[in-house]
Protein backbone atom coordinates (compact mmCIF):
# COMPACT_ATOMS: atom_id res chain seq x y z
CA MET A 1 140.99 146.79 67.80
CA SER A 2 137.89 144.69 67.68
CA TRP A 3 137.45 140.98 68.55
CA LYS A 4 134.57 140.62 65.24
CA PRO A 5 136.84 138.37 63.36
CA GLU A 6 136.74 135.88 66.37
CA THR A 7 133.27 136.58 67.65
CA ASP A 8 132.43 135.97 63.63
CA GLU A 9 134.02 132.49 63.37
CA ILE A 10 132.12 131.37 67.01
CA ALA A 11 128.92 132.64 64.89
CA LYS A 12 129.92 130.25 62.19
CA ARG A 13 130.79 127.37 64.08
CA ARG A 14 127.67 127.50 65.58
CA ARG A 15 125.65 127.33 62.32
CA LEU A 16 127.82 124.71 61.03
CA ALA A 17 127.28 122.38 64.40
CA GLU A 18 123.37 123.03 63.53
CA GLN A 19 124.21 121.68 60.05
CA GLN A 20 125.24 118.30 61.60
CA GLY A 21 127.03 115.95 59.49
CA GLY A 22 125.63 118.20 56.69
CA LYS A 23 122.52 118.08 54.14
CA ASP A 24 123.95 114.77 52.41
CA ALA A 25 124.19 113.01 55.78
CA VAL A 26 120.93 114.50 57.18
CA LYS A 27 119.16 113.47 53.98
CA LEU A 28 120.69 109.88 54.31
CA GLN A 29 119.31 109.70 58.07
CA HIS A 30 115.75 110.56 56.71
CA ASP A 31 115.73 108.23 53.98
CA LYS A 32 116.05 105.62 56.33
CA GLY A 33 113.00 106.76 58.24
CA ARG A 34 115.17 108.34 61.18
CA LEU A 35 115.21 111.54 62.74
CA THR A 36 118.46 113.58 63.53
CA ILE A 37 119.09 114.09 67.07
CA ARG A 38 118.39 117.69 67.04
CA GLU A 39 114.51 117.01 65.50
CA ARG A 40 114.29 114.09 68.21
CA ILE A 41 115.24 116.71 71.19
CA ASP A 42 112.84 119.19 69.71
CA ALA A 43 109.91 117.00 69.45
CA LEU A 44 110.36 115.66 72.72
CA LEU A 45 110.45 118.73 74.96
CA ASP A 46 108.06 122.14 74.97
CA ASP A 47 108.74 124.54 72.03
CA GLY A 48 111.98 126.66 72.15
CA SER A 49 112.86 125.21 75.69
CA PHE A 50 116.27 123.98 74.65
CA GLU A 51 119.43 125.46 75.80
CA GLU A 52 122.35 123.83 74.43
CA VAL A 53 125.53 123.35 76.05
CA GLY A 54 128.87 122.41 73.85
CA ALA A 55 127.57 123.58 71.15
CA GLY A 56 131.13 124.46 69.50
CA ALA A 57 132.64 121.75 70.63
CA GLY A 58 134.34 119.37 67.60
CA SER A 59 137.39 119.83 65.46
CA ALA A 60 138.46 122.56 62.96
CA GLY A 61 140.92 120.26 61.10
CA GLU A 62 144.71 120.26 60.67
CA ASN A 63 144.62 123.80 59.61
CA GLY A 64 141.90 125.01 61.95
CA GLU A 65 139.87 126.62 59.61
CA PRO A 66 136.00 127.15 60.60
CA ASP A 67 134.76 126.14 57.07
CA ASP A 68 136.63 122.54 58.19
CA PHE A 69 134.68 122.72 61.63
CA SER A 70 132.96 119.48 62.45
CA PRO A 71 131.08 119.27 65.71
CA ALA A 72 130.97 116.89 68.26
CA ASN A 73 128.47 114.10 67.60
CA PHE A 74 126.82 114.61 71.00
CA VAL A 75 124.35 116.87 71.35
CA LEU A 76 123.40 117.71 74.71
CA GLY A 77 121.52 120.64 77.04
CA PHE A 78 118.87 121.77 79.32
CA GLY A 79 115.33 121.92 78.37
CA LYS A 80 111.42 121.29 79.64
CA ILE A 81 108.89 119.17 79.60
CA ASP A 82 105.37 119.96 80.38
CA GLY A 83 107.17 123.22 81.81
CA ARG A 84 109.31 120.73 84.42
CA ARG A 85 112.82 121.20 83.65
CA CYS A 86 115.28 118.04 82.21
CA ILE A 87 118.62 117.40 80.93
CA VAL A 88 118.76 115.61 77.22
CA GLY A 89 121.41 114.44 75.32
CA GLY A 90 121.94 111.81 72.33
CA GLU A 91 124.55 110.85 69.63
CA ASP A 92 124.35 112.22 66.36
CA PHE A 93 124.08 109.35 63.79
CA THR A 94 125.33 112.09 60.50
CA LEU A 95 128.55 112.42 62.09
CA LYS A 96 130.82 109.19 62.09
CA GLY A 97 127.93 106.81 62.56
CA GLY A 98 127.38 108.27 66.06
CA SER A 99 130.44 106.39 67.08
CA PRO A 100 131.98 108.80 69.48
CA SER A 101 134.84 111.69 68.66
CA GLN A 102 137.17 112.92 71.33
CA ALA A 103 134.52 115.74 72.26
CA GLY A 104 131.48 113.86 71.67
CA LEU A 105 132.84 111.12 74.02
CA ARG A 106 133.31 113.80 76.69
CA LYS A 107 130.12 115.72 76.22
CA SER A 108 128.58 112.32 76.64
CA VAL A 109 129.63 111.50 80.31
CA TYR A 110 129.09 115.06 80.88
CA THR A 111 125.35 114.47 80.43
CA GLU A 112 125.29 112.46 83.67
CA GLU A 113 127.29 114.63 85.63
CA LEU A 114 125.18 117.59 84.48
CA ALA A 115 122.21 115.90 85.55
CA CYS A 116 123.59 115.27 89.09
CA GLN A 117 124.67 118.67 89.76
CA TYR A 118 121.65 120.10 88.74
CA ARG A 119 119.47 117.59 89.95
CA LEU A 120 117.52 117.30 87.10
CA PRO A 121 115.65 114.01 85.21
CA LEU A 122 118.32 112.68 82.53
CA ILE A 123 117.06 111.56 79.06
CA ARG A 124 119.55 109.96 76.64
CA LEU A 125 118.24 109.51 73.23
CA HIS A 126 120.34 106.63 71.66
CA GLU A 127 121.51 106.08 68.32
CA GLY A 128 125.11 104.95 68.14
CA ALA A 129 128.27 102.86 68.69
CA GLY A 130 130.81 102.51 70.92
CA GLY A 131 133.80 103.03 69.43
CA SER A 132 136.05 104.70 66.24
CA VAL A 133 138.75 102.60 64.70
CA SER A 134 139.75 105.57 62.43
CA GLY A 135 139.81 109.46 61.81
CA THR A 136 140.94 112.35 63.18
CA GLY A 137 139.99 113.70 66.41
CA GLY A 138 138.59 110.32 67.15
CA SER A 139 138.35 107.87 70.10
CA SER A 140 141.03 106.25 68.57
CA ILE A 141 143.26 109.04 70.04
CA PRO A 142 145.70 107.26 72.67
CA GLY A 143 143.71 108.36 76.33
CA PRO A 144 143.05 106.26 79.48
CA VAL A 145 140.82 103.04 79.18
CA TYR A 146 137.12 102.60 80.05
CA SER A 147 137.38 103.13 83.91
CA ALA A 148 135.01 102.97 86.55
CA PRO A 149 135.15 107.03 87.12
CA ARG A 150 133.47 107.59 83.55
CA PHE A 151 130.44 105.19 84.91
CA ALA A 152 130.41 106.62 88.31
CA SER A 153 128.09 109.48 87.33
CA VAL A 154 126.06 106.73 85.64
CA ALA A 155 125.23 105.13 88.79
CA ARG A 156 124.76 108.68 90.66
CA ALA A 157 122.56 109.76 88.37
CA MET A 158 120.23 106.36 88.95
CA ALA A 159 120.37 106.72 92.68
CA SER A 160 119.42 110.41 92.32
CA VAL A 161 117.57 111.58 89.19
CA PRO A 162 115.00 109.91 86.89
CA VAL A 163 116.50 108.30 83.51
CA ALA A 164 114.99 107.84 80.86
CA THR A 165 116.52 106.24 77.55
CA ALA A 166 115.21 105.63 73.68
CA ALA A 167 116.97 103.28 71.10
CA LEU A 168 116.13 105.05 67.99
CA GLY A 169 117.91 103.48 65.68
CA PRO A 170 121.33 100.92 65.62
CA VAL A 171 122.63 101.00 69.29
CA ALA A 172 126.06 99.21 70.23
CA GLY A 173 128.97 99.01 72.71
CA LEU A 174 128.97 102.40 75.14
CA PRO A 175 125.56 103.44 74.08
CA ALA A 176 123.78 100.46 74.62
CA ALA A 177 124.96 100.22 78.33
CA ARG A 178 124.17 103.80 78.77
CA LEU A 179 120.94 102.88 77.41
CA VAL A 180 120.12 99.75 79.96
CA ALA A 181 121.64 102.20 82.59
CA ALA A 182 118.06 103.73 83.44
CA HIS A 183 115.01 103.62 85.13
CA PHE A 184 112.72 103.40 82.07
CA SER A 185 114.05 102.23 78.65
CA VAL A 186 111.74 102.15 75.26
CA MET A 187 112.88 101.35 71.27
CA ALA A 188 111.53 101.80 68.44
CA ARG A 189 110.44 99.00 66.54
CA GLU A 190 110.66 100.43 63.09
CA ASN A 191 114.32 100.92 63.26
CA ALA A 192 115.78 100.42 66.59
CA GLN A 193 118.63 97.52 67.40
CA VAL A 194 120.15 96.81 70.66
CA MET A 195 123.34 95.39 70.29
CA ILE A 196 126.82 94.51 72.20
CA ALA A 197 128.32 94.17 68.65
CA GLY A 198 127.18 94.22 65.57
CA PRO A 199 126.65 91.61 62.60
CA ALA A 200 129.81 92.29 60.69
CA VAL A 201 131.91 91.48 64.35
CA VAL A 202 129.58 88.66 65.32
CA GLN A 203 130.38 87.26 62.06
CA ARG A 204 133.86 87.35 62.19
CA ALA A 205 134.13 86.37 65.96
CA LEU A 206 131.59 83.57 65.77
CA GLY A 207 130.66 82.80 62.21
CA GLU A 208 127.21 83.26 63.24
CA ARG A 209 125.35 84.89 60.12
CA VAL A 210 122.12 87.31 61.77
CA SER A 211 120.65 90.34 60.63
CA LYS A 212 120.71 93.60 63.20
CA GLU A 213 117.23 92.56 63.62
CA GLU A 214 117.43 89.24 64.64
CA LEU A 215 120.24 90.09 66.60
CA GLY A 216 118.81 92.90 68.75
CA GLY A 217 115.39 93.67 67.65
CA ALA A 218 112.48 94.70 69.48
CA GLU A 219 111.09 91.50 69.31
CA VAL A 220 113.86 90.11 71.04
CA HIS A 221 114.78 92.45 73.80
CA THR A 222 110.90 93.07 75.14
CA LYS A 223 111.00 89.47 75.93
CA ASN A 224 114.07 89.41 77.55
CA GLY A 225 114.32 92.31 79.73
CA VAL A 226 116.97 94.47 77.88
CA VAL A 227 114.18 96.99 77.40
CA ASP A 228 110.95 97.97 79.31
CA ASN A 229 108.81 99.24 76.48
CA ALA A 230 108.74 99.31 72.73
CA ALA A 231 107.10 101.67 70.69
CA GLN A 232 105.93 101.70 66.65
CA THR A 233 107.66 104.73 65.87
CA GLU A 234 109.89 107.40 67.36
CA LEU A 235 107.70 109.84 68.19
CA GLU A 236 106.04 107.20 70.22
CA ALA A 237 108.61 106.49 72.21
CA LEU A 238 109.48 110.39 73.17
CA ASP A 239 105.72 109.96 74.07
CA GLN A 240 106.36 107.45 76.55
CA ILE A 241 109.42 108.93 77.94
CA ARG A 242 107.18 112.19 78.43
CA ALA A 243 104.63 109.91 80.38
CA PHE A 244 107.09 108.11 82.48
CA LEU A 245 108.70 111.11 83.91
CA SER A 246 105.25 112.85 84.44
CA TYR A 247 105.13 110.07 87.49
CA LEU A 248 108.17 110.92 88.97
CA PRO A 249 109.84 113.82 91.09
CA ALA A 250 112.89 115.83 89.40
CA ASN A 251 115.05 114.05 91.85
CA VAL A 252 115.47 112.16 95.37
CA TRP A 253 115.18 115.21 97.37
CA GLU A 254 111.61 116.02 96.28
CA LEU A 255 108.04 113.97 96.35
CA PRO A 256 106.20 112.80 93.23
CA PRO A 257 104.20 115.36 91.38
CA VAL A 258 100.09 115.22 92.76
CA ASP A 259 97.75 116.18 90.09
CA GLN A 260 94.14 117.30 90.22
CA SER A 261 92.58 114.23 89.60
CA THR A 262 89.40 114.29 87.64
CA ASP A 263 88.13 110.91 88.76
CA LYS A 264 85.68 110.55 91.55
CA PRO A 265 87.28 109.49 94.49
CA ASP A 266 84.30 107.37 96.00
CA ARG A 267 83.94 105.46 92.26
CA ARG A 268 82.23 101.84 92.87
CA ALA A 269 82.73 100.19 89.94
CA GLU A 270 80.11 97.63 89.84
CA GLU A 271 82.09 95.38 87.53
CA LEU A 272 84.24 94.45 90.44
CA ALA A 273 81.87 92.33 92.25
CA GLU A 274 81.98 89.54 89.63
CA ILE A 275 85.37 89.80 87.55
CA VAL A 276 86.90 87.18 89.31
CA PRO A 277 85.62 83.85 88.69
CA ARG A 278 84.10 81.39 91.41
CA ASP A 279 85.52 78.97 89.39
CA ARG A 280 89.27 78.90 90.87
CA ARG A 281 90.75 77.36 87.61
CA LYS A 282 89.02 80.34 85.82
CA SER A 283 91.46 83.43 84.97
CA PHE A 284 90.28 86.68 84.95
CA ASP A 285 91.67 90.08 83.31
CA MET A 286 93.73 91.86 85.96
CA ARG A 287 94.23 94.81 83.85
CA ALA A 288 90.44 95.41 83.73
CA LEU A 289 90.67 95.19 87.18
CA LEU A 290 93.04 97.95 87.78
CA GLY A 291 91.22 100.50 85.47
CA HIS A 292 88.39 99.97 87.89
CA VAL A 293 90.17 101.15 90.93
CA LEU A 294 93.05 103.37 89.64
CA ASP A 295 92.29 107.05 88.34
CA GLN A 296 90.60 106.34 84.68
CA ASP A 297 93.56 106.07 81.77
CA THR A 298 96.53 106.81 83.98
CA PHE A 299 98.21 103.35 84.63
CA PHE A 300 101.20 103.01 82.69
CA GLU A 301 102.88 99.53 82.23
CA MET A 302 106.26 99.13 81.94
CA GLY A 303 107.71 95.71 80.91
CA ALA A 304 104.61 93.91 79.53
CA GLY A 305 106.16 91.61 77.20
CA TYR A 306 108.88 90.19 80.07
CA GLY A 307 108.23 88.15 83.11
CA ARG A 308 104.72 88.36 81.97
CA SER A 309 103.23 86.64 85.15
CA GLN A 310 103.89 90.18 86.91
CA ILE A 311 102.29 93.28 85.96
CA THR A 312 104.56 96.49 86.72
CA GLY A 313 103.49 100.11 86.10
CA LEU A 314 103.02 103.58 87.26
CA ALA A 315 99.57 105.12 87.63
CA ARG A 316 97.42 107.94 89.99
CA LEU A 317 95.03 107.27 92.85
CA ASN A 318 93.27 110.98 93.39
CA GLY A 319 96.19 112.40 91.58
CA GLN A 320 98.96 110.96 93.72
CA PRO A 321 101.69 109.09 91.37
CA VAL A 322 101.90 105.31 92.86
CA GLY A 323 103.41 102.21 91.76
CA VAL A 324 101.28 99.17 90.83
CA TRP A 325 102.50 95.66 90.85
CA ALA A 326 99.86 92.80 89.86
CA ASN A 327 99.70 89.15 89.05
CA ASP A 328 98.42 88.44 85.43
CA GLY A 329 96.76 85.00 86.06
CA ARG A 330 96.33 84.16 81.98
CA HIS A 331 100.20 83.55 81.76
CA LEU A 332 101.41 80.55 83.86
CA ALA A 333 98.43 81.14 86.40
CA GLY A 334 100.38 84.34 87.52
CA ALA A 335 103.41 82.20 89.16
CA MET A 336 106.58 83.85 89.72
CA THR A 337 109.53 82.99 87.16
CA ALA A 338 113.04 83.94 87.40
CA ASN A 339 112.36 86.86 84.90
CA GLY A 340 109.20 87.95 86.64
CA ALA A 341 110.97 87.81 90.29
CA HIS A 342 113.77 90.31 88.56
CA LYS A 343 111.42 92.36 86.96
CA ALA A 344 109.19 92.86 90.69
CA ARG A 345 112.92 93.48 92.48
CA ARG A 346 113.92 96.46 89.72
CA PHE A 347 109.92 97.81 90.29
CA ILE A 348 110.44 97.90 94.11
CA GLU A 349 113.58 99.60 93.66
CA LEU A 350 112.07 102.56 91.40
CA CYS A 351 109.57 103.12 93.79
CA GLN A 352 111.65 103.25 96.79
CA THR A 353 114.07 105.52 94.76
CA PHE A 354 111.34 107.75 93.94
CA HIS A 355 109.29 107.67 97.16
CA LEU A 356 106.50 105.40 95.08
CA PRO A 357 103.70 104.24 97.46
CA ILE A 358 103.15 100.87 95.97
CA LEU A 359 99.68 99.30 95.48
CA SER A 360 99.97 95.28 94.95
CA PHE A 361 97.00 93.50 93.75
CA ILE A 362 97.90 89.42 94.61
CA ASP A 363 96.83 86.41 93.03
CA GLU A 364 99.99 84.65 93.61
CA PRO A 365 99.87 80.73 93.45
CA GLY A 366 103.93 81.20 94.16
CA PHE A 367 107.06 80.10 92.35
CA MET A 368 106.89 78.91 89.22
CA ILE A 369 107.80 75.10 89.49
CA GLY A 370 109.64 72.31 87.09
CA SER A 371 113.22 71.60 85.60
CA LYS A 372 112.92 74.72 83.64
CA SER A 373 112.18 76.94 86.46
CA GLU A 374 114.98 75.25 88.65
CA ARG A 375 117.71 76.01 85.68
CA GLU A 376 116.69 79.38 85.84
CA ALA A 377 117.60 79.76 89.54
CA THR A 378 113.76 80.63 89.93
CA ILE A 379 114.33 80.46 93.81
CA ARG A 380 117.28 83.01 94.03
CA HIS A 381 116.14 85.65 92.02
CA GLY A 382 112.59 85.06 93.77
CA THR A 383 114.18 85.31 97.35
CA ASN A 384 116.00 88.39 96.13
CA ALA A 385 112.81 89.90 95.25
CA VAL A 386 111.42 89.04 98.64
CA LEU A 387 114.01 90.76 100.56
CA THR A 388 113.82 93.90 98.57
CA SER A 389 110.16 94.10 99.36
CA ALA A 390 111.00 93.39 103.07
CA MET A 391 113.99 96.40 102.74
CA SER A 392 111.87 98.92 101.53
CA THR A 393 110.07 101.78 103.48
CA VAL A 394 107.65 103.37 101.36
CA PRO A 395 103.98 102.63 102.24
CA TRP A 396 102.51 99.74 100.75
CA ALA A 397 98.77 98.56 100.22
CA CYS A 398 98.42 95.20 99.43
CA ILE A 399 94.65 94.10 98.11
CA MET A 400 94.22 89.90 98.42
CA VAL A 401 92.21 89.55 95.45
CA ARG A 402 92.61 85.73 94.89
CA ARG A 403 95.29 83.37 95.86
CA SER A 404 98.29 83.96 98.02
CA PHE A 405 100.64 81.24 98.39
CA GLY A 406 103.82 80.15 99.04
CA VAL A 407 107.45 81.88 99.61
CA ALA A 408 106.75 83.90 96.79
CA GLN A 409 103.17 85.81 98.12
CA VAL A 410 105.84 87.52 100.81
CA ALA A 411 107.31 89.46 98.20
CA HIS A 412 103.91 91.01 97.55
CA TYR A 413 103.28 92.37 100.89
CA GLY A 414 105.56 95.37 102.42
CA PRO A 415 106.76 96.15 105.99
CA ASP A 416 103.73 97.55 108.14
CA ALA A 417 101.56 97.07 104.60
CA TYR A 418 97.81 98.20 104.53
CA VAL A 419 96.17 94.91 103.76
CA LEU A 420 92.56 94.40 101.99
CA ALA A 421 91.20 90.71 101.32
CA TRP A 422 88.32 90.14 99.01
CA PRO A 423 85.51 87.48 99.64
CA SER A 424 87.58 85.91 96.66
CA ALA A 425 90.52 85.75 98.53
CA GLU A 426 92.78 82.43 99.23
CA SER A 427 96.07 82.15 101.17
CA GLY A 428 98.42 79.39 102.72
CA PRO A 429 101.63 77.98 102.28
CA LEU A 430 100.31 76.01 99.16
CA PRO A 431 97.68 76.51 96.56
CA VAL A 432 94.66 73.90 96.91
CA GLU A 433 95.57 71.73 94.17
CA GLY A 434 99.18 71.27 95.04
CA GLY A 435 98.26 71.21 98.58
CA VAL A 436 95.52 68.54 98.28
CA ALA A 437 97.83 66.46 95.94
CA VAL A 438 100.67 66.43 98.32
CA ALA A 439 98.93 66.04 101.80
CA TYR A 440 96.32 63.14 100.30
CA GLY A 441 97.68 61.73 97.19
CA ARG A 442 97.48 58.22 98.61
CA GLU A 443 94.37 58.70 99.98
CA ILE A 444 92.83 59.92 96.60
CA ALA A 445 94.47 57.16 94.74
CA ALA A 446 92.87 54.61 97.01
CA ALA A 447 89.54 56.03 96.94
CA ALA A 448 86.54 54.20 94.59
CA ASP A 449 86.53 57.31 92.97
CA PRO A 450 89.56 59.49 92.89
CA ASP A 451 88.13 62.51 90.89
CA ALA A 452 85.11 62.79 93.45
CA ARG A 453 87.75 62.54 96.35
CA ARG A 454 89.86 65.07 95.35
CA ARG A 455 87.23 67.49 94.65
CA GLU A 456 85.91 66.81 97.95
CA LEU A 457 89.17 67.46 99.68
CA GLU A 458 90.23 70.44 97.67
CA GLU A 459 86.73 72.08 98.55
CA GLU A 460 87.38 71.14 102.46
CA MET A 461 91.13 73.08 101.84
CA ALA A 462 89.44 76.12 100.38
CA ALA A 463 87.10 76.63 103.29
CA ARG A 464 90.11 76.80 105.48
CA ASN A 465 91.91 78.89 103.11
CA SER A 466 88.98 81.36 103.31
CA PRO A 467 89.47 85.05 103.89
CA PHE A 468 86.97 85.07 106.43
CA PRO A 469 88.67 83.33 109.78
CA ARG A 470 91.71 85.25 108.83
CA ALA A 471 89.57 88.60 108.89
CA GLU A 472 88.02 87.40 112.23
CA GLY A 473 91.73 86.82 113.69
CA PHE A 474 92.62 90.30 112.37
CA GLY A 475 94.85 88.88 109.92
CA VAL A 476 94.34 91.24 107.24
CA HIS A 477 93.24 94.84 108.08
CA GLU A 478 89.55 94.85 106.13
CA LEU A 479 87.53 91.97 104.73
CA ILE A 480 85.53 93.89 102.01
CA ASP A 481 83.40 94.44 99.11
CA PRO A 482 85.83 94.65 96.20
CA ARG A 483 83.62 97.73 94.89
CA GLU A 484 85.01 99.20 97.96
CA THR A 485 88.63 98.75 96.94
CA ARG A 486 88.72 102.22 95.42
CA PRO A 487 87.61 104.57 98.03
CA LEU A 488 89.39 102.83 100.48
CA LEU A 489 92.35 103.41 98.79
CA VAL A 490 91.62 106.74 98.11
CA ALA A 491 91.24 107.21 101.63
CA TRP A 492 94.62 105.20 102.39
CA VAL A 493 96.51 107.45 100.09
CA ASP A 494 95.06 110.90 102.20
CA ARG A 495 96.05 108.95 105.66
CA ILE A 496 100.09 108.39 104.29
CA GLN A 497 100.39 112.14 102.95
CA PRO A 498 102.22 113.01 106.28
CA LEU A 499 104.67 109.92 106.20
CA LEU A 500 105.75 110.78 102.56
CA PRO A 501 108.54 113.81 103.36
CA ASN A 502 110.24 111.61 105.76
CA LEU A 503 111.50 109.20 102.54
CA LEU A 504 113.16 112.14 101.18
CA GLY A 505 116.72 111.83 100.01
CA GLN A 506 118.64 108.86 98.80
CA SER A 507 117.76 105.17 99.55
CA ALA A 508 119.74 102.52 101.23
CA PHE A 509 119.36 100.64 97.67
CA THR A 510 118.54 101.79 94.38
CA VAL A 511 117.77 100.84 90.97
CA ARG A 512 120.35 98.49 89.00
CA PRO A 513 120.24 97.36 85.16
């Protein structure tokens, strides 16, 4: 006797699963300007590379009839990005608004476990809520409460494989927690919001009337650090995920992939000789500086809207993936705020986890001061960044571009760092202006011309902070012409290649949200 009735039923259920919530639900999703989860996966992955896991999971209704079959509202599987394998999964908003069914919840948890088992990068595409209060087969079925084991695989994944997430519609509750448990997160400005709870719950609990966008839109979360980046569209968000993963290994037991660079290793940009103004009160464009040193068009910035005095991102130097940390002197003079310290700490942890050498371009005047800074516990967060840097084991190359002052400067120098100084570099316990004000306040006030005396003292202190005496005493490895920066760093990248295999495996400390 044949098993044809059963095999036909299997095929029929798979067809129904591909229809997701049905034509009307898919049309509603499109009318809102959003792709379905299957369309997102197809747009992210190499053509034809998706291998679904659990397509038959779902509920067949009370009578078990296949026509009543409702697929699990979470889609996951294996795929490839630029030929490299990965795991991808996400909520299906056309079914129950993405609020997890029993099978959907199990599949979402299994996504992290699968990534850990196969040691592959994990991508989660989020649009959904954290729970369901009604409906057969939903998460309302009595069961264990959310427990540590359910999140243990999330932590294991972050310690072992690259995790990238995207908010592509409303994301609340459990999916929001999973969204931020990532090494890189991005949200689409056009239609994504991230919330602990939605406006209806907020209004009922707190009496606060807010829209989804006011509560958790991109303008909110790119500034507070909940997500790293924003994209205008869903497709741009997926492009950012592909770009991010291109710099990272598949797992911590592999090294980052080195590309063949088309940029000249000995390129000397003439603009670097004049990019830093002689007037220390004038700022300069640090991102332009980075563009003259790194492989052209390879800088991928992360977290530009958060902790804005610190610039962090990934790039390549002669094809070698590197982490890049720099100060933005055009925002708070580059001073390290509480948010900036948190951003820097997470970035160092990312580089440490995935064995990325760090390039540090330093223009650090110190911790941000003032009552607001004290209320934000800047010294605690800043010291956290300093200690994270001190515990790192990846190679560092540190370029003293301009200022390097106070306790905050220490975070910019990893252990055994290769240190280069530009002629514009200044260093010491306090910036020139602050040091003069503290040490010579009375003398300046008593002078016949206080402003003239202050300027005179500042010039004297600036001379003492010059990089030339430091270089003479071998306080830096080299005092260089700024135009030499790229060739010297390329040579350094070549020298550290034998050291990188020693870093393989899980780090003693890893990225935390």
